[in-house]
Amino acid sequence: MLIEVQGTGFVNKGAELMLHSVLEKIRAELPEAEVIMDPSWGSAPYLKRACLGLYQKVALKYRGVQWGRFGKVIPKRIRQMYGLKLDSEVDVILDAAGFAYSDQHGPGVTQNMAATVKHWKKNNTKIIFLPQAFGPFVNEKSKKAIRSIVEHADLLFARDKVSYDYLTELVGVRENVRISPDFTNLVEGVLPEEFDRKANRFCIIPNKRMLSQVGDEDRGRYVPFLIECAKYLNQKGVKPFILIHEGEADLRLGQEVARGAGGNMNIIREEDPLKIKGIIGACDGVIGSRFHGLVSALSQGIPALATGWSHKYEMLFQDYGFPEGMISVQSDRDEIQKKISMLISEEENSSLREKISSAAILQKQAAIRMWEDVFSLIK
């Protein structure tokens, strides 16, 4: 059996964590299966794919549609020698895009996927959209495309109730459209040996999208908001540090926050997403804008505050029984300090950990049931 994992990569550490999670499950449930990954420009270089034991896909994309016919000119014997696979050989597609199909990204992404799904279906490929956020869909092109995607997909999991409602408003209640939480909650983190827990107690995770996906007023308040948080954490002596979850833009944001807070903050840039999750799990608390950084916190019972740019953040905190963990970048100093004090108070922190951990158990059980549905369909 040949399984292709779509929608992940190695630049965004949340996307890479999803890839690790998917591979972990496939190799546990289908040890004989072969796995390939699309050679996406820039986000999935050959060496990183090869290190994970992924076969190489011989395919090009034209207007978003996979076009792999040119690979057939390579004799099968040669393809086998070099670990090359054709698009037409794929048995199962697992799409783990996280959040791609929405008017917030423009209709083009959803339209391209609709065309690609039709192409896959002609090959009798099973198509499964793993839990992810969807919508909103206001643009008529987006609406038409998502209807086509749902029509051709074997299974599609919305990651939250809002996403599910966006879908069912267009296609109605369907057996192949279901709800399940983010599945990276099942992945175990790995704490790096060199990580100093005493010097790095409270984690701040910036997100460049907070400078592009929000209105002008919020955009202008984001960095000052993080600086205010960092200053108060420093004042309280809880050793804040900055953890980079994606690329140079997030690093520059982190450096700006560190300078604004006095310049005495550690900035940690870890390439291994499992170690990033391990670091988060060792913290007293988290303030973040990266979705999977927040999942990594809450799924390990770590209290967190979030400021985000889509419905997925609010729904995540509702799922973990901590809606008061959401905070606006427009919050004044008193509100910021009040929210942070809730996390750094030893008594309140302990109570929050207990509440969040109880919710995390239910979320993990739901993710396990999702995988059972997926492998039941595949097998």
Protein backbone atom coordinates (compact mmCIF):
# COMPACT_ATOMS: atom_id res chain seq x y z
CA MET A 1 0.00 0.00 0.00
CA LEU A 2 1.25 3.46 -0.90
CA ILE A 3 0.10 6.40 1.25
CA GLU A 4 0.77 10.05 0.47
CA VAL A 5 0.84 12.68 3.21
CA GLN A 6 -0.27 16.09 1.96
CA GLY A 7 -0.20 19.56 3.48
CA THR A 8 2.72 19.26 5.88
CA GLY A 9 6.31 20.52 5.69
CA PHE A 10 9.47 21.28 7.63
CA VAL A 11 9.48 25.09 7.95
CA ASN A 12 6.45 25.45 10.22
CA LYS A 13 7.11 23.23 13.22
CA GLY A 14 3.40 22.63 13.76
CA ALA A 15 3.16 21.21 10.24
CA GLU A 16 6.22 19.07 10.89
CA LEU A 17 4.73 17.85 14.16
CA MET A 18 1.63 16.77 12.24
CA LEU A 19 3.85 14.85 9.83
CA HIS A 20 5.56 13.03 12.71
CA SER A 21 2.16 12.23 14.20
CA VAL A 22 0.83 10.80 10.93
CA LEU A 23 3.96 8.71 10.32
CA GLU A 24 3.87 7.38 13.87
CA LYS A 25 0.30 6.14 13.39
CA ILE A 26 0.86 4.68 9.92
CA ARG A 27 3.91 2.72 11.02
CA ALA A 28 2.09 1.38 14.06
CA GLU A 29 -1.07 0.35 12.22
CA LEU A 30 0.25 -0.41 8.71
CA PRO A 31 3.95 -1.32 9.12
CA GLU A 32 4.19 -2.64 5.55
CA ALA A 33 2.83 0.56 3.99
CA GLU A 34 5.09 2.83 1.97
CA VAL A 35 4.74 6.58 2.50
CA ILE A 36 5.50 9.42 0.10
CA MET A 37 5.38 13.17 0.40
CA ASP A 38 4.98 15.76 -2.31
CA PRO A 39 8.31 17.54 -3.05
CA SER A 40 6.86 20.96 -2.27
CA TRP A 41 9.11 23.81 -3.27
CA GLY A 42 11.11 25.03 -0.26
CA SER A 43 9.04 23.47 2.53
CA ALA A 44 9.96 19.79 2.07
CA PRO A 45 13.57 19.39 0.89
CA TYR A 46 14.82 15.99 -0.23
CA LEU A 47 17.18 15.32 2.68
CA LYS A 48 14.52 15.95 5.31
CA ARG A 49 12.07 13.68 3.50
CA ALA A 50 14.70 10.99 3.07
CA CYS A 51 15.67 11.06 6.76
CA LEU A 52 12.08 10.13 7.63
CA GLY A 53 12.12 7.18 5.22
CA LEU A 54 9.71 8.79 2.76
CA TYR A 55 9.68 7.68 -0.86
CA GLN A 56 10.06 10.28 -3.58
CA LYS A 57 7.11 11.33 -5.70
CA VAL A 58 7.66 11.92 -9.41
CA ALA A 59 5.07 14.57 -10.17
CA LEU A 60 4.58 18.11 -11.30
CA LYS A 61 1.72 20.47 -10.54
CA TYR A 62 -0.05 22.47 -13.20
CA ARG A 63 -2.65 24.97 -11.95
CA GLY A 64 -2.71 23.11 -8.66
CA VAL A 65 -3.39 19.71 -10.22
CA GLN A 66 -0.94 16.82 -9.91
CA TRP A 67 0.37 15.80 -13.32
CA GLY A 68 2.57 12.75 -13.10
CA ARG A 69 2.44 11.30 -16.61
CA PHE A 70 5.99 12.36 -17.44
CA GLY A 71 7.25 9.98 -14.73
CA LYS A 72 5.99 7.02 -16.71
CA VAL A 73 8.82 7.48 -19.21
CA ILE A 74 11.16 6.31 -16.42
CA PRO A 75 11.23 2.48 -16.48
CA LYS A 76 9.67 0.90 -13.38
CA ARG A 77 12.91 -0.93 -12.62
CA ILE A 78 14.76 2.41 -12.45
CA ARG A 79 12.02 3.99 -10.35
CA GLN A 80 12.24 1.14 -7.84
CA MET A 81 16.01 1.48 -7.71
CA TYR A 82 15.78 5.14 -6.68
CA GLY A 83 12.63 4.97 -4.55
CA LEU A 84 10.50 6.94 -7.01
CA LYS A 85 6.71 6.66 -7.01
CA LEU A 86 4.09 7.86 -9.47
CA ASP A 87 0.99 9.81 -8.57
CA SER A 88 -1.09 7.05 -10.19
CA GLU A 89 0.37 4.48 -7.77
CA VAL A 90 -0.95 6.21 -4.64
CA ASP A 91 -3.64 4.24 -2.79
CA VAL A 92 -4.47 6.70 0.00
CA ILE A 93 -4.15 10.47 0.42
CA LEU A 94 -3.96 11.86 3.95
CA ASP A 95 -4.33 15.64 3.88
CA ALA A 96 -3.02 17.27 7.06
CA ALA A 97 -3.01 20.90 5.93
CA GLY A 98 -4.04 22.30 9.33
CA PHE A 99 -5.76 25.42 7.99
CA ALA A 100 -5.68 25.99 4.24
CA TYR A 101 -9.23 25.93 2.89
CA SER A 102 -10.81 29.26 3.76
CA ASP A 103 -11.59 32.64 2.26
CA GLN A 104 -8.87 33.96 4.57
CA HIS A 105 -6.37 32.39 2.16
CA GLY A 106 -8.33 33.34 -0.96
CA PRO A 107 -10.40 30.98 -3.13
CA GLY A 108 -7.40 29.80 -5.17
CA VAL A 109 -6.12 27.30 -2.60
CA THR A 110 -9.53 25.66 -2.20
CA GLN A 111 -10.11 25.64 -5.97
CA ASN A 112 -6.76 23.99 -6.60
CA MET A 113 -7.50 21.30 -4.04
CA ALA A 114 -10.93 20.67 -5.59
CA ALA A 115 -9.30 20.07 -8.98
CA THR A 116 -6.63 17.86 -7.41
CA VAL A 117 -9.20 15.78 -5.53
CA LYS A 118 -11.03 15.07 -8.81
CA HIS A 119 -7.73 13.97 -10.34
CA TRP A 120 -7.02 11.62 -7.42
CA LYS A 121 -10.51 10.16 -7.60
CA LYS A 122 -9.96 9.14 -11.22
CA ASN A 123 -7.17 6.89 -9.89
CA ASN A 124 -9.58 5.33 -7.34
CA THR A 125 -7.46 6.84 -4.56
CA LYS A 126 -8.98 7.04 -1.09
CA ILE A 127 -8.98 10.66 0.09
CA ILE A 128 -9.02 11.56 3.78
CA PHE A 129 -8.80 15.07 5.18
CA LEU A 130 -7.38 14.74 8.68
CA PRO A 131 -8.64 17.15 11.39
CA GLN A 132 -8.13 20.75 10.35
CA ALA A 133 -9.87 24.12 10.41
CA PHE A 134 -12.16 25.13 7.55
CA GLY A 135 -13.84 28.36 6.48
CA PRO A 136 -15.33 30.81 6.44
CA PHE A 137 -16.63 30.43 2.87
CA VAL A 138 -18.31 33.55 1.50
CA ASN A 139 -16.71 33.73 -1.93
CA GLU A 140 -18.83 31.82 -4.48
CA LYS A 141 -15.73 30.21 -6.00
CA SER A 142 -14.72 28.92 -2.58
CA LYS A 143 -18.21 27.59 -1.94
CA LYS A 144 -18.28 25.68 -5.22
CA ALA A 145 -14.80 24.27 -4.60
CA ILE A 146 -15.47 23.08 -1.04
CA ARG A 147 -18.70 21.40 -2.16
CA SER A 148 -16.68 19.50 -4.76
CA ILE A 149 -14.04 18.53 -2.19
CA VAL A 150 -16.65 17.15 0.20
CA GLU A 151 -18.39 15.30 -2.63
CA HIS A 152 -15.20 13.46 -3.62
CA ALA A 153 -13.57 12.95 -0.20
CA ASP A 154 -14.02 9.61 1.55
CA LEU A 155 -13.61 11.21 4.99
CA LEU A 156 -13.23 14.80 6.08
CA PHE A 157 -12.68 15.85 9.70
CA ALA A 158 -13.35 19.38 10.88
CA ARG A 159 -11.18 20.26 13.85
CA ASP A 160 -13.82 22.28 15.68
CA LYS A 161 -17.53 23.06 15.78
CA VAL A 162 -17.20 26.36 13.90
CA SER A 163 -15.35 24.67 11.04
CA TYR A 164 -17.93 21.88 10.98
CA ASP A 165 -20.74 24.43 10.80
CA TYR A 166 -19.02 26.27 7.93
CA LEU A 167 -18.97 22.99 6.01
CA THR A 168 -22.45 21.73 6.82
CA GLU A 169 -24.01 25.10 6.00
CA LEU A 170 -22.88 24.41 2.43
CA VAL A 171 -23.20 20.64 2.07
CA GLY A 172 -25.60 19.62 4.83
CA VAL A 173 -24.98 16.93 7.43
CA ARG A 174 -23.11 14.08 5.75
CA GLU A 175 -21.66 10.79 6.94
CA ASN A 176 -18.23 11.59 5.52
CA VAL A 177 -18.00 14.96 7.35
CA ARG A 178 -17.15 14.59 11.03
CA ILE A 179 -15.57 16.44 13.96
CA SER A 180 -12.33 15.49 15.68
CA PRO A 181 -9.68 17.53 17.50
CA ASP A 182 -6.13 18.20 16.40
CA PHE A 183 -4.26 14.88 16.47
CA THR A 184 -0.81 16.14 17.51
CA ASN A 185 -2.10 15.89 21.09
CA LEU A 186 -1.14 12.20 20.95
CA VAL A 187 2.54 12.79 20.11
CA GLU A 188 5.00 12.59 23.00
CA GLY A 189 7.50 15.43 23.27
CA VAL A 190 11.21 14.93 23.89
CA LEU A 191 12.96 17.28 26.33
CA PRO A 192 16.46 18.22 25.07
CA GLU A 193 19.20 17.35 27.53
CA GLU A 194 20.67 20.83 27.24
CA PHE A 195 17.42 22.63 28.11
CA ASP A 196 17.80 24.63 31.34
CA ARG A 197 14.42 24.59 33.08
CA LYS A 198 15.52 27.02 35.79
CA ALA A 199 16.62 29.65 33.27
CA ASN A 200 13.63 29.16 30.93
CA ARG A 201 10.38 28.82 32.85
CA PHE A 202 7.73 30.73 30.91
CA CYS A 203 7.46 30.42 27.13
CA ILE A 204 6.46 33.12 24.63
CA ILE A 205 5.75 31.91 21.07
CA PRO A 206 5.38 34.70 18.46
CA ASN A 207 3.63 34.36 15.10
CA LYS A 208 4.36 36.48 12.02
CA ARG A 209 0.77 35.95 10.83
CA MET A 210 -0.38 38.30 13.57
CA LEU A 211 1.16 41.02 11.39
CA SER A 212 -0.65 40.00 8.21
CA GLN A 213 -3.93 38.26 9.05
CA VAL A 214 -5.44 40.84 11.41
CA GLY A 215 -6.68 44.43 11.09
CA ASP A 216 -4.35 47.41 11.21
CA GLU A 217 -5.15 48.22 14.83
CA ASP A 218 -4.35 44.71 16.10
CA ARG A 219 -1.30 44.51 13.84
CA GLY A 220 0.15 47.63 15.41
CA ARG A 221 -0.55 46.38 18.93
CA TYR A 222 0.90 42.87 18.61
CA VAL A 223 4.58 43.50 19.35
CA PRO A 224 3.88 46.05 22.15
CA PHE A 225 1.48 43.48 23.65
CA LEU A 226 4.17 40.77 23.70
CA ILE A 227 6.70 43.24 25.13
CA GLU A 228 4.29 44.16 27.93
CA CYS A 229 3.81 40.45 28.70
CA ALA A 230 7.56 39.83 28.74
CA LYS A 231 8.23 42.82 30.98
CA TYR A 232 5.67 41.69 33.54
CA LEU A 233 6.99 38.13 33.51
CA ASN A 234 10.51 39.47 34.06
CA GLN A 235 9.24 41.69 36.85
CA LYS A 236 7.72 38.62 38.53
CA GLY A 237 10.97 36.69 38.18
CA VAL A 238 9.51 33.74 36.27
CA LYS A 239 12.27 33.66 33.62
CA PRO A 240 10.43 34.19 30.32
CA PHE A 241 12.05 33.04 27.08
CA ILE A 242 11.07 33.11 23.44
CA LEU A 243 10.53 29.90 21.46
CA ILE A 244 10.60 30.10 17.66
CA HIS A 245 8.02 27.94 15.89
CA GLU A 246 8.66 28.99 12.28
CA GLY A 247 11.43 30.63 10.31
CA GLU A 248 13.21 33.93 10.10
CA ALA A 249 10.15 36.18 10.37
CA ASP A 250 9.19 34.69 13.74
CA LEU A 251 12.82 35.00 14.83
CA ARG A 252 12.88 38.71 13.98
CA LEU A 253 9.67 39.17 15.95
CA GLY A 254 11.23 37.37 18.91
CA GLN A 255 14.33 39.53 18.74
CA GLU A 256 12.21 42.70 18.67
CA VAL A 257 10.26 41.54 21.72
CA ALA A 258 13.46 40.65 23.58
CA ARG A 259 14.95 44.08 22.88
CA GLY A 260 11.77 45.83 23.95
CA ALA A 261 11.66 43.86 27.19
CA GLY A 262 15.22 44.78 28.13
CA GLY A 263 17.29 42.41 26.03
CA ASN A 264 17.88 39.80 28.75
CA MET A 265 15.62 37.05 27.36
CA ASN A 266 16.77 33.77 25.90
CA ILE A 267 15.64 32.96 22.38
CA ILE A 268 15.47 29.25 21.61
CA ARG A 269 15.36 28.05 18.02
CA GLU A 270 14.97 24.26 17.94
CA GLU A 271 14.65 22.37 14.65
CA ASP A 272 13.12 19.17 16.02
CA PRO A 273 9.33 19.60 16.56
CA LEU A 274 9.30 16.77 19.12
CA LYS A 275 11.88 18.67 21.18
CA ILE A 276 9.85 21.86 20.82
CA LYS A 277 6.90 20.03 22.33
CA GLY A 278 9.17 18.68 25.06
CA ILE A 279 10.35 22.19 25.91
CA ILE A 280 6.77 23.48 26.08
CA GLY A 281 5.82 20.60 28.36
CA ALA A 282 8.57 21.59 30.80
CA CYS A 283 7.33 25.19 31.20
CA ASP A 284 5.27 26.82 33.93
CA GLY A 285 3.10 28.50 31.31
CA VAL A 286 2.88 29.71 27.71
CA ILE A 287 1.79 32.87 25.92
CA GLY A 288 1.47 32.15 22.23
CA SER A 289 0.01 32.81 18.82
CA ARG A 290 1.13 29.59 17.10
CA PHE A 291 -1.76 27.11 17.08
CA HIS A 292 0.28 23.95 17.47
CA GLY A 293 2.45 25.52 20.12
CA LEU A 294 -0.74 26.07 22.08
CA VAL A 295 -1.96 22.52 21.39
CA SER A 296 1.40 21.27 22.67
CA ALA A 297 0.87 23.23 25.86
CA LEU A 298 -2.75 22.36 26.57
CA SER A 299 -2.44 18.70 25.61
CA GLN A 300 0.27 18.40 28.29
CA GLY A 301 -1.76 20.27 30.89
CA ILE A 302 0.32 23.46 30.65
CA PRO A 303 -1.71 26.66 31.26
CA ALA A 304 -1.53 29.04 28.31
CA LEU A 305 -2.76 32.39 27.07
CA ALA A 306 -3.49 32.84 23.38
CA THR A 307 -3.96 35.67 20.99
CA GLY A 308 -4.87 34.55 17.48
CA TRP A 309 -6.15 35.49 14.06
CA SER A 310 -8.83 32.88 13.36
CA HIS A 311 -11.69 31.00 15.00
CA LYS A 312 -9.41 27.99 15.52
CA TYR A 313 -7.81 29.56 18.61
CA GLU A 314 -11.03 30.25 20.47
CA MET A 315 -12.39 26.81 19.65
CA LEU A 316 -9.19 25.15 20.84
CA PHE A 317 -9.43 26.81 24.24
CA GLN A 318 -13.10 25.93 24.53
CA ASP A 319 -12.27 22.29 23.80
CA TYR A 320 -9.74 22.29 26.63
CA GLY A 321 -12.17 23.90 29.07
CA PHE A 322 -10.20 27.14 29.37
CA PRO A 323 -11.92 29.83 27.25
CA GLU A 324 -10.62 32.53 29.60
CA GLY A 325 -7.17 31.73 28.24
CA MET A 326 -7.90 33.90 25.20
CA ILE A 327 -6.55 37.43 25.42
CA SER A 328 -6.77 40.37 23.02
CA VAL A 329 -3.72 42.34 21.91
CA GLN A 330 -5.88 45.39 22.69
CA SER A 331 -5.86 44.50 26.39
CA ASP A 332 -4.59 47.21 28.71
CA ARG A 333 -1.79 46.68 31.19
CA ASP A 334 -4.12 45.77 34.04
CA GLU A 335 -5.86 43.08 32.00
CA ILE A 336 -2.55 41.64 30.79
CA GLN A 337 -1.17 41.46 34.31
CA LYS A 338 -4.39 39.95 35.64
CA LYS A 339 -4.33 37.17 33.02
CA ILE A 340 -0.65 36.42 33.54
CA SER A 341 -1.03 36.42 37.33
CA MET A 342 -3.63 33.69 36.92
CA LEU A 343 -0.94 31.51 35.30
CA ILE A 344 1.99 32.28 37.58
CA SER A 345 0.16 32.02 40.90
CA GLU A 346 1.23 28.64 42.29
CA GLU A 347 -2.25 27.82 43.56
CA GLU A 348 -4.11 28.93 40.41
CA ASN A 349 -1.51 27.30 38.14
CA SER A 350 -2.02 23.98 39.91
CA SER A 351 -5.80 24.25 39.62
CA LEU A 352 -5.58 25.14 35.94
CA ARG A 353 -3.27 22.22 35.23
CA GLU A 354 -5.76 19.84 36.76
CA LYS A 355 -8.68 21.28 34.77
CA ILE A 356 -6.80 21.40 31.46
CA SER A 357 -5.35 17.90 31.94
CA SER A 358 -8.84 16.48 32.49
CA ALA A 359 -10.00 18.04 29.21
CA ALA A 360 -6.83 16.81 27.49
CA ILE A 361 -7.76 13.21 28.30
CA LEU A 362 -11.07 13.61 26.47
CA GLN A 363 -9.39 15.30 23.51
CA LYS A 364 -6.88 12.47 23.20
CA GLN A 365 -9.64 9.87 23.35
CA ALA A 366 -11.43 11.67 20.51
CA ALA A 367 -8.22 11.73 18.45
CA ILE A 368 -7.77 7.99 19.01
CA ARG A 369 -11.32 7.37 17.75
CA MET A 370 -10.56 9.48 14.68
CA TRP A 371 -7.56 7.31 13.82
CA GLU A 372 -9.67 4.18 14.32
CA ASP A 373 -12.13 5.53 11.72
CA VAL A 374 -9.29 6.38 9.34
CA PHE A 375 -7.60 2.99 9.49
CA SER A 376 -10.94 1.18 9.32
CA LEU A 377 -11.56 2.91 6.01
CA ILE A 378 -8.03 2.30 4.72
CA LYS A 379 -8.00 -1.38 5.64
